Protein backbone atom coordinates (compact mmCIF):
# COMPACT_ATOMS: atom_id res chain seq x y z
CA UNK A 1 -155.32 -64.00 -73.88
CA UNK A 2 -156.39 -67.16 -72.20
CA UNK A 3 -159.91 -66.40 -72.68
CA UNK A 4 -159.51 -65.76 -75.91
CA UNK A 5 -158.04 -69.27 -76.60
CA UNK A 6 -160.90 -70.59 -74.51
CA UNK A 7 -163.57 -69.05 -76.56
CA UNK A 8 -161.27 -70.29 -79.94
CA UNK A 9 -160.76 -74.02 -78.80
CA UNK A 10 -164.22 -74.38 -77.97
CA UNK A 11 -166.15 -72.50 -80.86
CA UNK A 12 -164.02 -73.90 -83.77
CA UNK A 13 -164.29 -77.40 -82.89
CA UNK A 14 -168.13 -77.03 -82.69
CA UNK A 15 -168.48 -75.24 -85.97
CA UNK A 16 -166.05 -77.74 -87.96
CA UNK A 17 -168.28 -80.18 -86.73
CA UNK A 18 -171.42 -78.58 -87.75
CA UNK A 19 -169.78 -79.11 -91.39
CA UNK A 20 -169.30 -82.66 -91.16
CA UNK A 21 -172.13 -85.05 -91.54
CA UNK A 22 -172.02 -89.00 -91.15
CA UNK A 23 -174.75 -91.31 -92.39
CA UNK A 24 -177.86 -91.58 -89.93
CA UNK A 25 -176.93 -95.14 -88.94
CA UNK A 26 -173.59 -94.02 -87.54
CA UNK A 27 -175.28 -91.87 -85.69
CA UNK A 28 -175.88 -94.20 -82.72
CA UNK A 29 -171.76 -94.17 -82.22
CA UNK A 30 -171.57 -90.53 -82.06
CA UNK A 31 -174.23 -90.46 -79.32
CA UNK A 32 -172.38 -93.16 -77.48
CA UNK A 33 -168.99 -91.52 -77.71
CA UNK A 34 -170.78 -88.17 -76.36
CA UNK A 35 -172.15 -90.37 -73.68
CA UNK A 36 -168.68 -91.94 -72.96
CA UNK A 37 -167.35 -88.25 -73.16
CA UNK A 38 -169.61 -86.43 -70.63
CA UNK A 39 -168.95 -89.12 -68.27
CA UNK A 40 -165.08 -88.56 -68.52
CA UNK A 41 -165.26 -85.00 -68.34
CA UNK A 42 -167.49 -85.56 -65.03
CA UNK A 43 -164.99 -87.60 -63.71
CA UNK A 44 -162.38 -85.48 -64.66
CA UNK A 45 -164.29 -82.06 -62.72
CA UNK A 46 -164.74 -85.04 -59.58
CA UNK A 47 -160.84 -85.58 -59.77
CA UNK A 48 -160.17 -81.61 -59.36
CA UNK A 49 -162.52 -81.08 -56.95
CA UNK A 50 -160.79 -83.15 -54.63
CA UNK A 51 -157.70 -81.08 -54.96
CA UNK A 52 -159.28 -78.38 -53.38
CA UNK A 53 -157.51 -77.41 -49.96
CA UNK A 54 -159.89 -78.01 -46.97
CA UNK A 55 -162.88 -78.61 -48.77
CA UNK A 56 -164.60 -79.57 -46.12
CA UNK A 57 -164.90 -76.07 -44.64
CA UNK A 58 -166.39 -74.92 -48.11
CA UNK A 59 -169.37 -77.38 -48.49
CA UNK A 60 -172.19 -75.15 -46.69
CA UNK A 61 -170.56 -72.49 -49.75
CA UNK A 62 -170.92 -75.01 -52.41
CA UNK A 63 -174.48 -76.20 -51.74
CA UNK A 64 -175.82 -72.84 -50.39
CA UNK A 65 -174.46 -71.04 -53.40
CA UNK A 66 -175.84 -73.56 -55.82
CA UNK A 67 -179.60 -73.49 -53.88
CA UNK A 68 -179.57 -69.47 -54.38
CA UNK A 69 -178.21 -69.33 -58.17
CA UNK A 70 -180.62 -72.10 -59.13
CA UNK A 71 -183.54 -70.42 -57.71
CA UNK A 72 -182.43 -66.84 -58.94
CA UNK A 73 -181.83 -68.18 -62.50
CA UNK A 74 -184.33 -70.56 -62.97
CA UNK A 75 -187.36 -67.96 -60.63
CA UNK A 76 -186.28 -65.68 -63.65
CA UNK A 77 -186.59 -67.97 -66.66
CA UNK A 78 -190.13 -69.28 -65.37
CA UNK A 79 -191.21 -65.56 -64.46
CA UNK A 80 -190.44 -64.27 -67.80
CA UNK A 81 -191.46 -67.41 -70.24
CA UNK A 82 -194.70 -67.61 -68.47
CA UNK A 83 -195.37 -64.09 -69.21
CA UNK A 84 -194.29 -64.68 -72.75
CA UNK A 85 -196.44 -67.68 -73.13
CA UNK A 86 -199.70 -65.73 -71.63
CA UNK A 87 -198.58 -62.12 -73.93
CA UNK A 88 -198.30 -64.35 -77.10
CA UNK A 89 -199.94 -67.69 -76.83
CA UNK A 90 -198.95 -70.79 -78.57
CA UNK A 91 -200.62 -74.26 -78.23
CA UNK A 92 -198.69 -77.63 -78.62
CA UNK A 93 -200.62 -80.76 -78.81
CA UNK A 94 -199.44 -83.59 -76.85
CA UNK A 95 -198.88 -87.15 -78.11
CA UNK A 96 -201.61 -88.44 -75.70
CA UNK A 97 -198.98 -90.76 -74.29
CA UNK A 98 -198.22 -91.48 -70.47
CA UNK A 99 -194.62 -89.26 -70.29
CA UNK A 100 -191.98 -91.37 -68.81
CA UNK A 101 -189.53 -89.27 -66.51
CA UNK A 102 -186.02 -90.53 -66.52
CA UNK A 103 -183.90 -88.69 -64.30
CA UNK A 104 -181.71 -92.31 -63.83
CA UNK A 105 -179.37 -90.52 -66.21
CA UNK A 106 -179.17 -87.22 -64.37
CA UNK A 107 -178.24 -89.48 -61.19
CA UNK A 108 -175.51 -91.48 -63.00
CA UNK A 109 -173.91 -88.20 -64.16
CA UNK A 110 -174.00 -86.44 -60.45
CA UNK A 111 -172.39 -89.90 -59.25
CA UNK A 112 -169.58 -89.75 -61.70
CA UNK A 113 -168.66 -86.36 -60.26
CA UNK A 114 -168.59 -88.50 -56.92
CA UNK A 115 -166.66 -91.16 -58.56
CA UNK A 116 -164.01 -88.68 -59.60
CA UNK A 117 -163.70 -86.88 -56.35
CA UNK A 118 -162.95 -90.56 -54.45
CA UNK A 119 -160.82 -91.53 -57.16
CA UNK A 120 -158.75 -88.26 -56.77
CA UNK A 121 -158.44 -88.39 -53.15
CA UNK A 122 -157.13 -92.05 -53.38
CA UNK A 123 -154.86 -91.43 -56.13
CA UNK A 124 -153.45 -88.23 -54.90
CA UNK A 125 -149.50 -88.43 -54.51
CA UNK A 126 -149.35 -91.60 -56.98
CA UNK A 127 -151.08 -90.34 -60.29
CA UNK A 128 -153.18 -87.77 -61.65
CA UNK A 129 -154.67 -86.92 -64.93
CA UNK A 130 -152.52 -84.58 -67.04
CA UNK A 131 -153.66 -80.71 -65.70
CA UNK A 132 -154.96 -80.28 -69.79
CA UNK A 133 -156.97 -83.66 -70.18
CA UNK A 134 -160.69 -81.91 -69.46
CA UNK A 135 -159.93 -78.97 -71.98
CA UNK A 136 -158.92 -81.38 -74.78
CA UNK A 137 -161.82 -83.82 -73.90
CA UNK A 138 -164.27 -80.73 -74.12
CA UNK A 139 -162.95 -79.98 -77.42
CA UNK A 140 -163.63 -83.32 -78.98
CA UNK A 141 -167.04 -83.02 -77.10
CA UNK A 142 -168.52 -79.96 -78.73
CA UNK A 143 -166.71 -81.40 -82.04
CA UNK A 144 -168.74 -84.06 -81.67
CA UNK A 145 -171.65 -81.89 -80.80
CA UNK A 146 -171.41 -80.14 -83.91
CA UNK A 147 -171.18 -83.31 -85.87
CA UNK A 148 -174.58 -84.44 -84.50
CA UNK A 149 -176.56 -81.45 -85.15
CA UNK A 150 -175.10 -81.13 -88.51
CA UNK A 151 -176.05 -85.12 -89.23
CA UNK A 152 -179.51 -84.86 -87.95
CA UNK A 153 -180.45 -82.95 -90.57
CA UNK A 154 -180.76 -79.52 -88.93
CA UNK A 155 -180.17 -76.40 -91.10
CA UNK A 156 -179.44 -72.86 -90.30
CA UNK A 157 -182.58 -72.21 -92.27
CA UNK A 158 -184.69 -74.44 -90.02
CA UNK A 159 -183.06 -72.77 -86.61
CA UNK A 160 -183.44 -69.15 -87.86
CA UNK A 161 -186.77 -69.28 -89.52
CA UNK A 162 -188.43 -70.95 -86.57
CA UNK A 163 -189.58 -67.19 -85.08
CA UNK A 164 -190.72 -69.00 -81.57
CA UNK A 165 -187.74 -70.99 -81.04
CA UNK A 166 -185.67 -67.55 -81.70
CA UNK A 167 -187.88 -65.72 -79.63
CA UNK A 168 -187.67 -68.45 -76.79
CA UNK A 169 -183.88 -68.35 -77.02
CA UNK A 170 -183.98 -64.69 -76.56
CA UNK A 171 -185.97 -64.90 -73.38
CA UNK A 172 -184.27 -67.45 -71.86
CA UNK A 173 -180.89 -66.10 -72.65
CA UNK A 174 -181.98 -62.58 -71.41
CA UNK A 175 -183.73 -63.98 -68.21
CA UNK A 176 -181.36 -66.34 -67.16
CA UNK A 177 -178.61 -63.20 -67.14
CA UNK A 178 -181.05 -60.90 -64.69
CA UNK A 179 -181.07 -64.18 -62.79
CA UNK A 180 -177.27 -64.28 -62.62
CA UNK A 181 -176.77 -60.14 -61.81
CA UNK A 182 -179.62 -61.22 -59.08
CA UNK A 183 -177.28 -63.57 -57.60
CA UNK A 184 -174.25 -61.21 -57.68
CA UNK A 185 -176.23 -58.72 -55.87
CA UNK A 186 -177.30 -61.13 -53.33
CA UNK A 187 -173.84 -62.57 -52.43
CA UNK A 188 -171.28 -59.49 -52.33
CA UNK A 189 -168.30 -61.30 -52.76
CA UNK A 190 -169.64 -62.39 -56.50
CA UNK A 191 -169.35 -59.61 -59.44
CA UNK A 192 -171.53 -58.96 -62.01
CA UNK A 193 -169.68 -60.32 -64.55
CA UNK A 194 -168.82 -63.69 -62.20
CA UNK A 195 -172.53 -63.99 -61.76
CA UNK A 196 -173.30 -63.75 -65.72
CA UNK A 197 -170.85 -66.22 -66.39
CA UNK A 198 -172.40 -68.41 -63.46
CA UNK A 199 -175.70 -67.99 -65.24
CA UNK A 200 -174.65 -68.67 -68.80
CA UNK A 201 -174.56 -72.52 -68.66
CA UNK A 202 -177.94 -72.97 -69.64
CA UNK A 203 -177.63 -76.60 -68.68
CA UNK A 204 -174.75 -77.76 -70.77
CA UNK A 205 -172.75 -78.89 -67.71
CA UNK A 206 -170.31 -80.59 -68.88
CA UNK A 207 -169.25 -77.26 -70.51
CA UNK A 208 -169.75 -75.11 -67.98
CA UNK A 209 -168.31 -77.26 -65.05
CA UNK A 210 -164.99 -77.09 -67.22
CA UNK A 211 -164.75 -73.86 -68.57
CA UNK A 212 -165.74 -71.89 -64.78
CA UNK A 213 -163.38 -74.25 -63.42
CA UNK A 214 -160.70 -72.71 -65.45
CA UNK A 215 -162.09 -69.42 -64.69
CA UNK A 216 -162.57 -69.61 -61.00
CA UNK A 217 -161.31 -72.69 -59.69
CA UNK A 218 -163.03 -76.24 -58.85
CA UNK A 219 -165.39 -74.68 -56.10
CA UNK A 220 -167.13 -72.67 -58.17
CA UNK A 221 -166.84 -74.72 -61.22
CA UNK A 222 -168.77 -77.78 -59.05
CA UNK A 223 -171.40 -75.01 -57.89
CA UNK A 224 -172.03 -74.06 -61.74
CA UNK A 225 -172.41 -77.98 -62.81
CA UNK A 226 -174.53 -78.70 -59.87
CA UNK A 227 -176.88 -75.64 -60.80
CA UNK A 228 -176.75 -76.90 -64.28
CA UNK A 229 -177.85 -80.67 -63.29
CA UNK A 230 -180.67 -79.29 -61.29
CA UNK A 231 -181.95 -77.58 -64.31
CA UNK A 232 -182.07 -81.31 -65.95
CA UNK A 233 -183.60 -82.60 -62.88
CA UNK A 234 -186.09 -79.90 -62.88
CA UNK A 235 -186.63 -79.88 -66.64
CA UNK A 236 -187.47 -83.72 -66.40
CA UNK A 237 -189.85 -83.03 -63.81
CA UNK A 238 -191.68 -80.02 -64.86
CA UNK A 239 -191.87 -79.97 -68.93
CA UNK A 240 -195.14 -82.14 -68.90
CA UNK A 241 -196.64 -80.10 -66.37
CA UNK A 242 -195.99 -76.76 -68.06
CA UNK A 243 -196.73 -77.87 -71.80
CA UNK A 244 -199.84 -77.55 -72.02
CA UNK A 245 -200.48 -74.17 -71.05
CA UNK A 246 -196.68 -72.84 -71.16
CA UNK A 247 -195.00 -74.47 -74.25
CA UNK A 248 -192.41 -71.88 -74.98
CA UNK A 249 -192.03 -72.42 -71.00
CA UNK A 250 -191.79 -76.15 -70.81
CA UNK A 251 -188.86 -76.19 -73.56
CA UNK A 252 -187.11 -73.17 -72.31
CA UNK A 253 -186.09 -74.72 -69.19
CA UNK A 254 -184.56 -77.71 -70.44
CA UNK A 255 -181.81 -75.17 -71.80
CA UNK A 256 -179.24 -76.60 -73.85
CA UNK A 257 -180.87 -79.99 -72.91
CA UNK A 258 -183.67 -79.70 -74.95
CA UNK A 259 -181.96 -80.43 -78.14
CA UNK A 260 -180.87 -83.90 -76.97
CA UNK A 261 -181.81 -85.43 -73.29
CA UNK A 262 -185.04 -83.94 -72.55
CA UNK A 263 -186.36 -83.77 -76.15
CA UNK A 264 -188.18 -87.14 -76.11
CA UNK A 265 -190.04 -85.64 -72.85
CA UNK A 266 -190.85 -82.46 -75.30
CA UNK A 267 -191.92 -84.80 -77.86
CA UNK A 268 -193.91 -86.56 -75.82
CA UNK A 269 -195.74 -83.70 -74.02
CA UNK A 270 -195.90 -81.43 -76.69
CA UNK A 271 -196.48 -83.47 -79.92
CA UNK A 272 -194.22 -83.16 -82.96
CA UNK A 273 -195.37 -79.52 -83.47
CA UNK A 274 -193.07 -78.73 -80.56
CA UNK A 275 -189.75 -80.30 -81.62
CA UNK A 276 -189.07 -78.11 -84.44
CA UNK A 277 -189.75 -75.11 -81.61
CA UNK A 278 -186.94 -77.18 -79.37
CA UNK A 279 -184.32 -77.54 -82.18
CA UNK A 280 -184.43 -74.32 -83.08
CA UNK A 281 -184.46 -73.27 -79.41
CA UNK A 282 -181.87 -75.54 -78.53
CA UNK A 283 -179.34 -75.29 -81.28
CA UNK A 284 -179.26 -71.33 -80.45
CA UNK A 285 -178.65 -71.96 -76.81
CA UNK A 286 -175.78 -74.44 -77.01
CA UNK A 287 -173.81 -71.99 -79.75
CA UNK A 288 -174.60 -69.05 -77.02
CA UNK A 289 -173.57 -70.97 -74.20
CA UNK A 290 -169.63 -71.51 -74.53
CA UNK A 291 -169.48 -67.63 -76.17
CA UNK A 292 -171.48 -66.01 -73.38
CA UNK A 293 -169.24 -67.96 -70.57
CA UNK A 294 -166.32 -67.59 -71.74
CA UNK A 295 -166.31 -63.74 -72.52
CA UNK A 296 -168.07 -62.78 -68.91
CA UNK A 297 -165.63 -64.88 -67.26
CA UNK A 298 -162.85 -62.71 -68.90
CA UNK A 299 -164.39 -59.52 -67.71
CA UNK A 300 -164.60 -58.24 -64.37
CA UNK A 301 -167.06 -55.72 -63.40
């Protein structure tokens, strides 16, 4: 029942937001609100992590598990999508401009988690945010994501009729889940369903961190968060390198961020014709991520 409530509390705000359109001049306000919410959610995840007993004894587990999960998921993504690009070639033409790789935003996001951890450690015994604060912030976040998608002029017709985008979304989903199963096989204490849930964030770190914390506790929530942040780092660096020969791979490794944070890099590296692919792929992944995470985390096999 709790999993069903979590799924409804995420998907309903997302789809409600998708039916609300705001004038384009006000989109920058939505963007600012989303940025603030992301930082707030990351702070709250840091606070929850600070409340884990004997955390210092689990640091090795967090670092090791994050590294292994990242290698399994990204490794499977690359293997499958590079095969797809070779088997069914599709050419994207870059803009010819030098691509600026901006990892400063990712570093700020990681810094928010650290700041939240320090704040939680200092404030313990005095005041801590109410337990459900993170869930309320998450609901508002996905609602604004829906509003942003609708107000940006994205239609379901555009999404579903972009064959390459749909195919890329299917392959990235399948390969990520395969990576999750591989992770479970290499970690005897991790069930298959848990491995699948951990691999279903697709780079949406603000969502996966909260959902996995609710499902498996702050340690695994932090592992998922760091894994999805690493995807963002990886995508920013390798999208320009992969775009010329493997355009679907370049778009796919960004996961959910291909619709926002890494979209400017995709456009610069792949040109305007890569944008519809990124939008179609990103939209599908943004809808699939919360659904798959909640479903798999509610199962036990």
